[in-house]
Amino acid sequence: MELVLQCYQIADTLLSREMYALGNQMTRAAVSIPSNIAEGYRRNGRAEYVHFCSIASGSAAELETQLIIIKDVYKTAQADKALLLVTEVQKMLYALIRQLRTKP
């Protein structure tokens, strides 16, 4: 959730033309991560949970790419912090998916 907040703060700093393009895409990807984790958790069974966590992982990769673009274009330190957070989220998702696949 902290990552989502960071992304909204970054989006607020973008130029108006970018807010509706890159900013919108970035915030949608950020919101998709915890949303898919939550949805998968409430689904019927472990296989669906793994599936939705995998979707969340894909959204995290998409968000990482968008943050790199913002970092390169805007040279903002906020993007650096968000990139650290997205890396941490990716590690947590990887560990969660691995655990869900291996433990009964």
PDB file of N, CA and C in Angstrom:
ATOM      1  N   MET A   1       0.826  -1.187   0.000  1.00  0.00           N
ATOM      2  CA  MET A   1       0.000   0.000   0.000  1.00  0.00           C
ATOM      3  C   MET A   1       0.877   1.261   0.000  1.00  0.00           C
ATOM      4  N   GLU A   2       2.028   1.178   0.664  1.00  0.00           N
ATOM      5  CA  GLU A   2       2.948   2.320   0.663  1.00  0.00           C
ATOM      6  C   GLU A   2       3.419   2.638  -0.756  1.00  0.00           C
ATOM      7  N   LEU A   3       3.620   1.596  -1.538  1.00  0.00           N
ATOM      8  CA  LEU A   3       4.028   1.777  -2.928  1.00  0.00           C
ATOM      9  C   LEU A   3       2.946   2.508  -3.724  1.00  0.00           C
ATOM     10  N   VAL A   4       1.699   2.171  -3.495  1.00  0.00           N
ATOM     11  CA  VAL A   4       0.583   2.844  -4.174  1.00  0.00           C
ATOM     12  C   VAL A   4       0.601   4.328  -3.840  1.00  0.00           C
ATOM     13  N   LEU A   5       0.775   4.650  -2.572  1.00  0.00           N
ATOM     14  CA  LEU A   5       0.811   6.059  -2.158  1.00  0.00           C
ATOM     15  C   LEU A   5       1.968   6.798  -2.810  1.00  0.00           C
ATOM     16  N   GLN A   6       3.129   6.158  -2.868  1.00  0.00           N
ATOM     17  CA  GLN A   6       4.288   6.768  -3.519  1.00  0.00           C
ATOM     18  C   GLN A   6       3.994   7.063  -4.987  1.00  0.00           C
ATOM     19  N   CYS A   7       3.339   6.128  -5.644  1.00  0.00           N
ATOM     20  CA  CYS A   7       3.042   6.316  -7.070  1.00  0.00           C
ATOM     21  C   CYS A   7       2.060   7.455  -7.291  1.00  0.00           C
ATOM     22  N   TYR A   8       1.082   7.593  -6.429  1.00  0.00           N
ATOM     23  CA  TYR A   8       0.156   8.728  -6.552  1.00  0.00           C
ATOM     24  C   TYR A   8       0.885  10.051  -6.312  1.00  0.00           C
ATOM     25  N   GLN A   9       1.810  10.063  -5.379  1.00  0.00           N
ATOM     26  CA  GLN A   9       2.585  11.288  -5.136  1.00  0.00           C
ATOM     27  C   GLN A   9       3.446  11.628  -6.343  1.00  0.00           C
ATOM     28  N   ILE A  10       4.039  10.626  -6.956  1.00  0.00           N
ATOM     29  CA  ILE A  10       4.846  10.865  -8.153  1.00  0.00           C
ATOM     30  C   ILE A  10       3.954  11.367  -9.280  1.00  0.00           C
ATOM     31  N   ALA A  11       2.811  10.749  -9.462  1.00  0.00           N
ATOM     32  CA  ALA A  11       1.894  11.152 -10.531  1.00  0.00           C
ATOM     33  C   ALA A  11       1.486  12.616 -10.375  1.00  0.00           C
ATOM     34  N   ASP A  12       1.331  13.063  -9.148  1.00  0.00           N
ATOM     35  CA  ASP A  12       0.962  14.468  -8.904  1.00  0.00           C
ATOM     36  C   ASP A  12       2.037  15.445  -9.352  1.00  0.00           C
ATOM     37  N   THR A  13       3.275  14.970  -9.493  1.00  0.00           N
ATOM     38  CA  THR A  13       4.373  15.857  -9.894  1.00  0.00           C
ATOM     39  C   THR A  13       4.591  15.884 -11.406  1.00  0.00           C
ATOM     40  N   LEU A  14       3.914  15.008 -12.134  1.00  0.00           N
ATOM     41  CA  LEU A  14       4.117  14.928 -13.579  1.00  0.00           C
ATOM     42  C   LEU A  14       3.440  16.088 -14.296  1.00  0.00           C
ATOM     43  N   LEU A  15       3.950  16.401 -15.460  1.00  0.00           N
ATOM     44  CA  LEU A  15       3.311  17.403 -16.307  1.00  0.00           C
ATOM     45  C   LEU A  15       1.919  16.903 -16.681  1.00  0.00           C
ATOM     46  N   SER A  16       1.010  17.812 -16.936  1.00  0.00           N
ATOM     47  CA  SER A  16      -0.380  17.425 -17.185  1.00  0.00           C
ATOM     48  C   SER A  16      -0.498  16.446 -18.348  1.00  0.00           C
ATOM     49  N   ARG A  17       0.287  16.627 -19.388  1.00  0.00           N
ATOM     50  CA  ARG A  17       0.187  15.701 -20.528  1.00  0.00           C
ATOM     51  C   ARG A  17       0.629  14.295 -20.139  1.00  0.00           C
ATOM     52  N   GLU A  18       1.565  14.197 -19.212  1.00  0.00           N
ATOM     53  CA  GLU A  18       2.035  12.890 -18.751  1.00  0.00           C
ATOM     54  C   GLU A  18       1.112  12.296 -17.695  1.00  0.00           C
ATOM     55  N   MET A  19       0.415  13.138 -16.956  1.00  0.00           N
ATOM     56  CA  MET A  19      -0.477  12.639 -15.915  1.00  0.00           C
ATOM     57  C   MET A  19      -1.537  11.732 -16.520  1.00  0.00           C
ATOM     58  N   TYR A  20      -2.025  12.098 -17.683  1.00  0.00           N
ATOM     59  CA  TYR A  20      -3.100  11.318 -18.288  1.00  0.00           C
ATOM     60  C   TYR A  20      -2.589  10.141 -19.102  1.00  0.00           C
ATOM     61  N   ALA A  21      -1.319  10.059 -19.305  1.00  0.00           N
ATOM     62  CA  ALA A  21      -0.738   8.942 -20.045  1.00  0.00           C
ATOM     63  C   ALA A  21       0.049   8.057 -19.075  1.00  0.00           C
ATOM     64  N   LEU A  22       1.270   8.430 -18.830  1.00  0.00           N
ATOM     65  CA  LEU A  22       2.149   7.629 -17.981  1.00  0.00           C
ATOM     66  C   LEU A  22       1.672   7.597 -16.525  1.00  0.00           C
ATOM     67  N   GLY A  23       1.226   8.720 -16.017  1.00  0.00           N
ATOM     68  CA  GLY A  23       0.770   8.776 -14.624  1.00  0.00           C
ATOM     69  C   GLY A  23      -0.407   7.865 -14.369  1.00  0.00           C
ATOM     70  N   ASN A  24      -1.371   7.889 -15.280  1.00  0.00           N
ATOM     71  CA  ASN A  24      -2.548   7.031 -15.146  1.00  0.00           C
ATOM     72  C   ASN A  24      -2.157   5.564 -15.222  1.00  0.00           C
ATOM     73  N   GLN A  25      -1.308   5.230 -16.165  1.00  0.00           N
ATOM     74  CA  GLN A  25      -0.867   3.845 -16.322  1.00  0.00           C
ATOM     75  C   GLN A  25      -0.098   3.374 -15.086  1.00  0.00           C
ATOM     76  N   MET A  26       0.739   4.249 -14.544  1.00  0.00           N
ATOM     77  CA  MET A  26       1.530   3.907 -13.376  1.00  0.00           C
ATOM     78  C   MET A  26       0.640   3.665 -12.157  1.00  0.00           C
ATOM     79  N   THR A  27      -0.299   4.553 -11.905  1.00  0.00           N
ATOM     80  CA  THR A  27      -1.163   4.380 -10.729  1.00  0.00           C
ATOM     81  C   THR A  27      -2.059   3.156 -10.882  1.00  0.00           C
ATOM     82  N   ARG A  28      -2.508   2.870 -12.098  1.00  0.00           N
ATOM     83  CA  ARG A  28      -3.326   1.673 -12.325  1.00  0.00           C
ATOM     84  C   ARG A  28      -2.521   0.405 -12.046  1.00  0.00           C
ATOM     85  N   ALA A  29      -1.269   0.371 -12.480  1.00  0.00           N
ATOM     86  CA  ALA A  29      -0.413  -0.793 -12.224  1.00  0.00           C
ATOM     87  C   ALA A  29      -0.146  -0.935 -10.724  1.00  0.00           C
ATOM     88  N   ALA A  30       0.090   0.185 -10.063  1.00  0.00           N
ATOM     89  CA  ALA A  30       0.362   0.155  -8.619  1.00  0.00           C
ATOM     90  C   ALA A  30      -0.845  -0.363  -7.839  1.00  0.00           C
ATOM     91  N   VAL A  31      -2.018   0.125  -8.175  1.00  0.00           N
ATOM     92  CA  VAL A  31      -3.248  -0.303  -7.493  1.00  0.00           C
ATOM     93  C   VAL A  31      -3.535  -1.774  -7.790  1.00  0.00           C
ATOM     94  N   SER A  32      -3.162  -2.226  -8.972  1.00  0.00           N
ATOM     95  CA  SER A  32      -3.406  -3.610  -9.370  1.00  0.00           C
ATOM     96  C   SER A  32      -2.663  -4.610  -8.490  1.00  0.00           C
ATOM     97  N   ILE A  33      -1.534  -4.230  -7.962  1.00  0.00           N
ATOM     98  CA  ILE A  33      -0.725  -5.173  -7.177  1.00  0.00           C
ATOM     99  C   ILE A  33      -1.467  -5.630  -5.918  1.00  0.00           C
ATOM    100  N   PRO A  34      -1.800  -4.724  -4.978  1.00  0.00           N
ATOM    101  CA  PRO A  34      -2.501  -5.200  -3.783  1.00  0.00           C
ATOM    102  C   PRO A  34      -3.922  -5.688  -4.086  1.00  0.00           C
ATOM    103  N   SER A  35      -4.537  -5.138  -5.130  1.00  0.00           N
ATOM    104  CA  SER A  35      -5.893  -5.571  -5.482  1.00  0.00           C
ATOM    105  C   SER A  35      -5.905  -7.031  -5.916  1.00  0.00           C
ATOM    106  N   ASN A  36      -4.945  -7.431  -6.733  1.00  0.00           N
ATOM    107  CA  ASN A  36      -4.888  -8.823  -7.176  1.00  0.00           C
ATOM    108  C   ASN A  36      -4.502  -9.771  -6.048  1.00  0.00           C
ATOM    109  N   ILE A  37      -3.641  -9.325  -5.160  1.00  0.00           N
ATOM    110  CA  ILE A  37      -3.291 -10.161  -4.004  1.00  0.00           C
ATOM    111  C   ILE A  37      -4.538 -10.402  -3.155  1.00  0.00           C
ATOM    112  N   ALA A  38      -5.290  -9.340  -2.895  1.00  0.00           N
ATOM    113  CA  ALA A  38      -6.500  -9.455  -2.080  1.00  0.00           C
ATOM    114  C   ALA A  38      -7.552 -10.328  -2.766  1.00  0.00           C
ATOM    115  N   GLU A  39      -7.751 -10.108  -4.050  1.00  0.00           N
ATOM    116  CA  GLU A  39      -8.753 -10.903  -4.768  1.00  0.00           C
ATOM    117  C   GLU A  39      -8.376 -12.378  -4.776  1.00  0.00           C
ATOM    118  N   GLY A  40      -7.112 -12.661  -5.057  1.00  0.00           N
ATOM    119  CA  GLY A  40      -6.674 -14.052  -5.074  1.00  0.00           C
ATOM    120  C   GLY A  40      -6.818 -14.728  -3.724  1.00  0.00           C
ATOM    121  N   TYR A  41      -6.557 -13.983  -2.666  1.00  0.00           N
ATOM    122  CA  TYR A  41      -6.677 -14.533  -1.312  1.00  0.00           C
ATOM    123  C   TYR A  41      -8.108 -14.956  -1.018  1.00  0.00           C
ATOM    124  N   ARG A  42      -9.066 -14.207  -1.542  1.00  0.00           N
ATOM    125  CA  ARG A  42     -10.479 -14.498  -1.282  1.00  0.00           C
ATOM    126  C   ARG A  42     -11.097 -15.480  -2.277  1.00  0.00           C
ATOM    127  N   ARG A  43     -10.326 -15.917  -3.243  1.00  0.00           N
ATOM    128  CA  ARG A  43     -10.838 -16.865  -4.227  1.00  0.00           C
ATOM    129  C   ARG A  43     -10.885 -18.272  -3.642  1.00  0.00           C
ATOM    130  N   ASN A  44     -11.288 -19.204  -4.483  1.00  0.00           N
ATOM    131  CA  ASN A  44     -11.484 -20.588  -4.046  1.00  0.00           C
ATOM    132  C   ASN A  44     -10.234 -21.419  -4.249  1.00  0.00           C
ATOM    133  N   GLY A  45      -9.352 -21.404  -3.282  1.00  0.00           N
ATOM    134  CA  GLY A  45      -8.228 -22.316  -3.321  1.00  0.00           C
ATOM    135  C   GLY A  45      -6.889 -21.682  -3.623  1.00  0.00           C
ATOM    136  N   ARG A  46      -5.891 -22.486  -3.365  1.00  0.00           N
ATOM    137  CA  ARG A  46      -4.506 -22.060  -3.482  1.00  0.00           C
ATOM    138  C   ARG A  46      -4.095 -21.771  -4.921  1.00  0.00           C
ATOM    139  N   ALA A  47      -4.570 -22.574  -5.856  1.00  0.00           N
ATOM    140  CA  ALA A  47      -4.185 -22.383  -7.256  1.00  0.00           C
ATOM    141  C   ALA A  47      -4.616 -21.008  -7.758  1.00  0.00           C
ATOM    142  N   GLU A  48      -5.822 -20.593  -7.399  1.00  0.00           N
ATOM    143  CA  GLU A  48      -6.282 -19.261  -7.814  1.00  0.00           C
ATOM    144  C   GLU A  48      -5.490 -18.167  -7.115  1.00  0.00           C
ATOM    145  N   TYR A  49      -5.135 -18.394  -5.866  1.00  0.00           N
ATOM    146  CA  TYR A  49      -4.322 -17.413  -5.136  1.00  0.00           C
ATOM    147  C   TYR A  49      -2.974 -17.237  -5.840  1.00  0.00           C
ATOM    148  N   VAL A  50      -2.353 -18.342  -6.212  1.00  0.00           N
ATOM    149  CA  VAL A  50      -1.080 -18.274  -6.935  1.00  0.00           C
ATOM    150  C   VAL A  50      -1.265 -17.528  -8.254  1.00  0.00           C
ATOM    151  N   HIS A  51      -2.351 -17.824  -8.959  1.00  0.00           N
ATOM    152  CA  HIS A  51      -2.619 -17.167 -10.238  1.00  0.00           C
ATOM    153  C   HIS A  51      -2.721 -15.648 -10.067  1.00  0.00           C
ATOM    154  N   PHE A  52      -3.477 -15.200  -9.080  1.00  0.00           N
ATOM    155  CA  PHE A  52      -3.643 -13.763  -8.876  1.00  0.00           C
ATOM    156  C   PHE A  52      -2.361 -13.107  -8.352  1.00  0.00           C
ATOM    157  N   CYS A  53      -1.580 -13.836  -7.578  1.00  0.00           N
ATOM    158  CA  CYS A  53      -0.276 -13.301  -7.150  1.00  0.00           C
ATOM    159  C   CYS A  53       0.656 -13.171  -8.350  1.00  0.00           C
ATOM    160  N   SER A  54       0.540 -14.076  -9.295  1.00  0.00           N
ATOM    161  CA  SER A  54       1.334 -13.971 -10.525  1.00  0.00           C
ATOM    162  C   SER A  54       0.923 -12.762 -11.344  1.00  0.00           C
ATOM    163  N   ILE A  55      -0.364 -12.471 -11.386  1.00  0.00           N
ATOM    164  CA  ILE A  55      -0.843 -11.264 -12.064  1.00  0.00           C
ATOM    165  C   ILE A  55      -0.285 -10.025 -11.352  1.00  0.00           C
ATOM    166  N   ALA A  56      -0.299 -10.042 -10.026  1.00  0.00           N
ATOM    167  CA  ALA A  56       0.255  -8.933  -9.246  1.00  0.00           C
ATOM    168  C   ALA A  56       1.741  -8.763  -9.549  1.00  0.00           C
ATOM    169  N   SER A  57       2.440  -9.864  -9.710  1.00  0.00           N
ATOM    170  CA  SER A  57       3.864  -9.807 -10.041  1.00  0.00           C
ATOM    171  C   SER A  57       4.080  -9.172 -11.418  1.00  0.00           C
ATOM    172  N   GLY A  58       3.220  -9.496 -12.359  1.00  0.00           N
ATOM    173  CA  GLY A  58       3.292  -8.873 -13.674  1.00  0.00           C
ATOM    174  C   GLY A  58       3.039  -7.377 -13.603  1.00  0.00           C
ATOM    175  N   SER A  59       2.089  -6.975 -12.774  1.00  0.00           N
ATOM    176  CA  SER A  59       1.811  -5.546 -12.587  1.00  0.00           C
ATOM    177  C   SER A  59       3.001  -4.843 -11.951  1.00  0.00           C
ATOM    178  N   ALA A  60       3.682  -5.539 -11.045  1.00  0.00           N
ATOM    179  CA  ALA A  60       4.877  -4.968 -10.414  1.00  0.00           C
ATOM    180  C   ALA A  60       5.985  -4.756 -11.452  1.00  0.00           C
ATOM    181  N   ALA A  61       6.125  -5.692 -12.379  1.00  0.00           N
ATOM    182  CA  ALA A  61       7.125  -5.535 -13.442  1.00  0.00           C
ATOM    183  C   ALA A  61       6.763  -4.364 -14.351  1.00  0.00           C
ATOM    184  N   GLU A  62       5.480  -4.245 -14.663  1.00  0.00           N
ATOM    185  CA  GLU A  62       5.011  -3.109 -15.473  1.00  0.00           C
ATOM    186  C   GLU A  62       5.296  -1.788 -14.758  1.00  0.00           C
ATOM    187  N   LEU A  63       4.982  -1.745 -13.473  1.00  0.00           N
ATOM    188  CA  LEU A  63       5.215  -0.539 -12.685  1.00  0.00           C
ATOM    189  C   LEU A  63       6.700  -0.206 -12.616  1.00  0.00           C
ATOM    190  N   GLU A  64       7.535  -1.217 -12.456  1.00  0.00           N
ATOM    191  CA  GLU A  64       8.974  -0.988 -12.413  1.00  0.00           C
ATOM    192  C   GLU A  64       9.445  -0.287 -13.687  1.00  0.00           C
ATOM    193  N   THR A  65       8.966  -0.754 -14.827  1.00  0.00           N
ATOM    194  CA  THR A  65       9.331  -0.153 -16.105  1.00  0.00           C
ATOM    195  C   THR A  65       8.892   1.306 -16.169  1.00  0.00           C
ATOM    196  N   GLN A  66       7.677   1.580 -15.736  1.00  0.00           N
ATOM    197  CA  GLN A  66       7.161   2.946 -15.765  1.00  0.00           C
ATOM    198  C   GLN A  66       7.951   3.858 -14.833  1.00  0.00           C
ATOM    199  N   LEU A  67       8.335   3.340 -13.678  1.00  0.00           N
ATOM    200  CA  LEU A  67       9.132   4.136 -12.744  1.00  0.00           C
ATOM    201  C   LEU A  67      10.527   4.431 -13.305  1.00  0.00           C
ATOM    202  N   ILE A  68      11.101   3.481 -14.014  1.00  0.00           N
ATOM    203  CA  ILE A  68      12.408   3.714 -14.640  1.00  0.00           C
ATOM    204  C   ILE A  68      12.282   4.823 -15.682  1.00  0.00           C
ATOM    205  N   ILE A  69      11.214   4.791 -16.456  1.00  0.00           N
ATOM    206  CA  ILE A  69      10.982   5.849 -17.451  1.00  0.00           C
ATOM    207  C   ILE A  69      10.856   7.201 -16.765  1.00  0.00           C
ATOM    208  N   ILE A  70      10.063   7.256 -15.709  1.00  0.00           N
ATOM    209  CA  ILE A  70       9.881   8.524 -14.981  1.00  0.00           C
ATOM    210  C   ILE A  70      11.201   8.995 -14.389  1.00  0.00           C
ATOM    211  N   LYS A  71      11.973   8.071 -13.832  1.00  0.00           N
ATOM    212  CA  LYS A  71      13.280   8.428 -13.257  1.00  0.00           C
ATOM    213  C   LYS A  71      14.189   9.025 -14.325  1.00  0.00           C
ATOM    214  N   ASP A  72      14.206   8.413 -15.505  1.00  0.00           N
ATOM    215  CA  ASP A  72      15.069   8.887 -16.588  1.00  0.00           C
ATOM    216  C   ASP A  72      14.609  10.218 -17.162  1.00  0.00           C
ATOM    217  N   VAL A  73      13.306  10.417 -17.260  1.00  0.00           N
ATOM    218  CA  VAL A  73      12.765  11.634 -17.865  1.00  0.00           C
ATOM    219  C   VAL A  73      12.751  12.796 -16.878  1.00  0.00           C
ATOM    220  N   TYR A  74      12.340  12.536 -15.643  1.00  0.00           N
ATOM    221  CA  TYR A  74      12.135  13.614 -14.665  1.00  0.00           C
ATOM    222  C   TYR A  74      13.257  13.762 -13.653  1.00  0.00           C
ATOM    223  N   LYS A  75      14.154  12.789 -13.574  1.00  0.00           N
ATOM    224  CA  LYS A  75      15.280  12.855 -12.628  1.00  0.00           C
ATOM    225  C   LYS A  75      14.808  13.125 -11.195  1.00  0.00           C
ATOM    226  N   THR A  76      13.779  12.405 -10.763  1.00  0.00           N
ATOM    227  CA  THR A  76      13.211  12.636  -9.441  1.00  0.00           C
ATOM    228  C   THR A  76      13.641  11.569  -8.438  1.00  0.00           C
ATOM    229  N   ALA A  77      13.936  12.006  -7.242  1.00  0.00           N
ATOM    230  CA  ALA A  77      14.328  11.087  -6.177  1.00  0.00           C
ATOM    231  C   ALA A  77      13.142  10.255  -5.709  1.00  0.00           C
ATOM    232  N   GLN A  78      11.936  10.771  -5.901  1.00  0.00           N
ATOM    233  CA  GLN A  78      10.758   9.999  -5.509  1.00  0.00           C
ATOM    234  C   GLN A  78      10.689   8.692  -6.285  1.00  0.00           C
ATOM    235  N   ALA A  79      11.104   8.718  -7.527  1.00  0.00           N
ATOM    236  CA  ALA A  79      11.103   7.502  -8.334  1.00  0.00           C
ATOM    237  C   ALA A  79      12.098   6.492  -7.774  1.00  0.00           C
ATOM    238  N   ASP A  80      13.222   6.959  -7.260  1.00  0.00           N
ATOM    239  CA  ASP A  80      14.205   6.057  -6.658  1.00  0.00           C
ATOM    240  C   ASP A  80      13.603   5.320  -5.466  1.00  0.00           C
ATOM    241  N   LYS A  81      12.896   6.046  -4.622  1.00  0.00           N
ATOM    242  CA  LYS A  81      12.272   5.430  -3.448  1.00  0.00           C
ATOM    243  C   LYS A  81      11.214   4.425  -3.879  1.00  0.00           C
ATOM    244  N   ALA A  82      10.409   4.795  -4.858  1.00  0.00           N
ATOM    245  CA  ALA A  82       9.377   3.890  -5.353  1.00  0.00           C
ATOM    246  C   ALA A  82       9.998   2.656  -6.002  1.00  0.00           C
ATOM    247  N   LEU A  83      11.110   2.828  -6.696  1.00  0.00           N
ATOM    248  CA  LEU A  83      11.801   1.677  -7.298  1.00  0.00           C
ATOM    249  C   LEU A  83      12.304   0.706  -6.231  1.00  0.00           C
ATOM    250  N   LEU A  84      12.803   1.237  -5.131  1.00  0.00           N
ATOM    251  CA  LEU A  84      13.212   0.370  -4.029  1.00  0.00           C
ATOM    252  C   LEU A  84      12.023  -0.402  -3.469  1.00  0.00           C
ATOM    253  N   LEU A  85      10.896   0.299  -3.338  1.00  0.00           N
ATOM    254  CA  LEU A  85       9.687  -0.354  -2.828  1.00  0.00           C
ATOM    255  C   LEU A  85       9.183  -1.430  -3.792  1.00  0.00           C
ATOM    256  N   VAL A  86       9.181  -1.130  -5.076  1.00  0.00           N
ATOM    257  CA  VAL A  86       8.685  -2.123  -6.035  1.00  0.00           C
ATOM    258  C   VAL A  86       9.600  -3.346  -6.061  1.00  0.00           C
ATOM    259  N   THR A  87      10.889  -3.152  -5.890  1.00  0.00           N
ATOM    260  CA  THR A  87      11.817  -4.281  -5.812  1.00  0.00           C
ATOM    261  C   THR A  87      11.502  -5.142  -4.592  1.00  0.00           C
ATOM    262  N   GLU A  88      11.223  -4.497  -3.478  1.00  0.00           N
ATOM    263  CA  GLU A  88      10.868  -5.224  -2.254  1.00  0.00           C
ATOM    264  C   GLU A  88       9.550  -5.982  -2.437  1.00  0.00           C
ATOM    265  N   VAL A  89       8.580  -5.363  -3.069  1.00  0.00           N
ATOM    266  CA  VAL A  89       7.301  -6.018  -3.334  1.00  0.00           C
ATOM    267  C   VAL A  89       7.508  -7.229  -4.247  1.00  0.00           C
ATOM    268  N   GLN A  90       8.346  -7.073  -5.255  1.00  0.00           N
ATOM    269  CA  GLN A  90       8.623  -8.192  -6.161  1.00  0.00           C
ATOM    270  C   GLN A  90       9.257  -9.366  -5.410  1.00  0.00           C
ATOM    271  N   LYS A  91      10.171  -9.077  -4.509  1.00  0.00           N
ATOM    272  CA  LYS A  91      10.802 -10.134  -3.713  1.00  0.00           C
ATOM    273  C   LYS A  91       9.772 -10.831  -2.829  1.00  0.00           C
ATOM    274  N   MET A  92       8.897 -10.045  -2.210  1.00  0.00           N
ATOM    275  CA  MET A  92       7.869 -10.632  -1.347  1.00  0.00           C
ATOM    276  C   MET A  92       6.897 -11.491  -2.155  1.00  0.00           C
ATOM    277  N   LEU A  93       6.508 -11.014  -3.321  1.00  0.00           N
ATOM    278  CA  LEU A  93       5.603 -11.799  -4.168  1.00  0.00           C
ATOM    279  C   LEU A  93       6.265 -13.092  -4.621  1.00  0.00           C
ATOM    280  N   TYR A  94       7.524 -13.020  -5.009  1.00  0.00           N
ATOM    281  CA  TYR A  94       8.252 -14.213  -5.418  1.00  0.00           C
ATOM    282  C   TYR A  94       8.275 -15.239  -4.283  1.00  0.00           C
ATOM    283  N   ALA A  95       8.571 -14.781  -3.070  1.00  0.00           N
ATOM    284  CA  ALA A  95       8.625 -15.684  -1.917  1.00  0.00           C
ATOM    285  C   ALA A  95       7.243 -16.253  -1.607  1.00  0.00           C
ATOM    286  N   LEU A  96       6.210 -15.429  -1.698  1.00  0.00           N
ATOM    287  CA  LEU A  96       4.853 -15.898  -1.431  1.00  0.00           C
ATOM    288  C   LEU A  96       4.428 -16.941  -2.450  1.00  0.00           C
ATOM    289  N   ILE A  97       4.665 -16.667  -3.713  1.00  0.00           N
ATOM    290  CA  ILE A  97       4.294 -17.612  -4.764  1.00  0.00           C
ATOM    291  C   ILE A  97       5.055 -18.923  -4.588  1.00  0.00           C
ATOM    292  N   ARG A  98       6.336 -18.840  -4.322  1.00  0.00           N
ATOM    293  CA  ARG A  98       7.145 -20.042  -4.115  1.00  0.00           C
ATOM    294  C   ARG A  98       6.606 -20.862  -2.936  1.00  0.00           C
ATOM    295  N   GLN A  99       6.266 -20.181  -1.843  1.00  0.00           N
ATOM    296  CA  GLN A  99       5.746 -20.887  -0.671  1.00  0.00           C
ATOM    297  C   GLN A  99       4.382 -21.515  -0.968  1.00  0.00           C
ATOM    298  N   LEU A 100       3.522 -20.788  -1.657  1.00  0.00           N
ATOM    299  CA  LEU A 100       2.204 -21.323  -1.975  1.00  0.00           C
ATOM    300  C   LEU A 100       2.301 -22.542  -2.892  1.00  0.00           C
ATOM    301  N   ARG A 101       3.290 -22.566  -3.761  1.00  0.00           N
ATOM    302  CA  ARG A 101       3.443 -23.684  -4.694  1.00  0.00           C
ATOM    303  C   ARG A 101       4.066 -24.907  -4.048  1.00  0.00           C
ATOM    304  N   THR A 102       4.855 -24.732  -2.993  1.00  0.00           N
ATOM    305  CA  THR A 102       5.590 -25.852  -2.430  1.00  0.00           C
ATOM    306  C   THR A 102       4.983 -26.426  -1.165  1.00  0.00           C
ATOM    307  N   LYS A 103       4.293 -25.631  -0.372  1.00  0.00           N
ATOM    308  CA  LYS A 103       3.758 -26.127   0.891  1.00  0.00           C
ATOM    309  C   LYS A 103       2.292 -26.548   0.706  1.00  0.00           C
ATOM    310  N   PRO A 104       1.921 -27.634   1.384  1.00  0.00           N
ATOM    311  CA  PRO A 104       0.537 -28.111   1.259  1.00  0.00           C
ATOM    312  C   PRO A 104      -0.472 -27.170   1.911  1.00  0.00           C
TER     313      PRO A 104
END
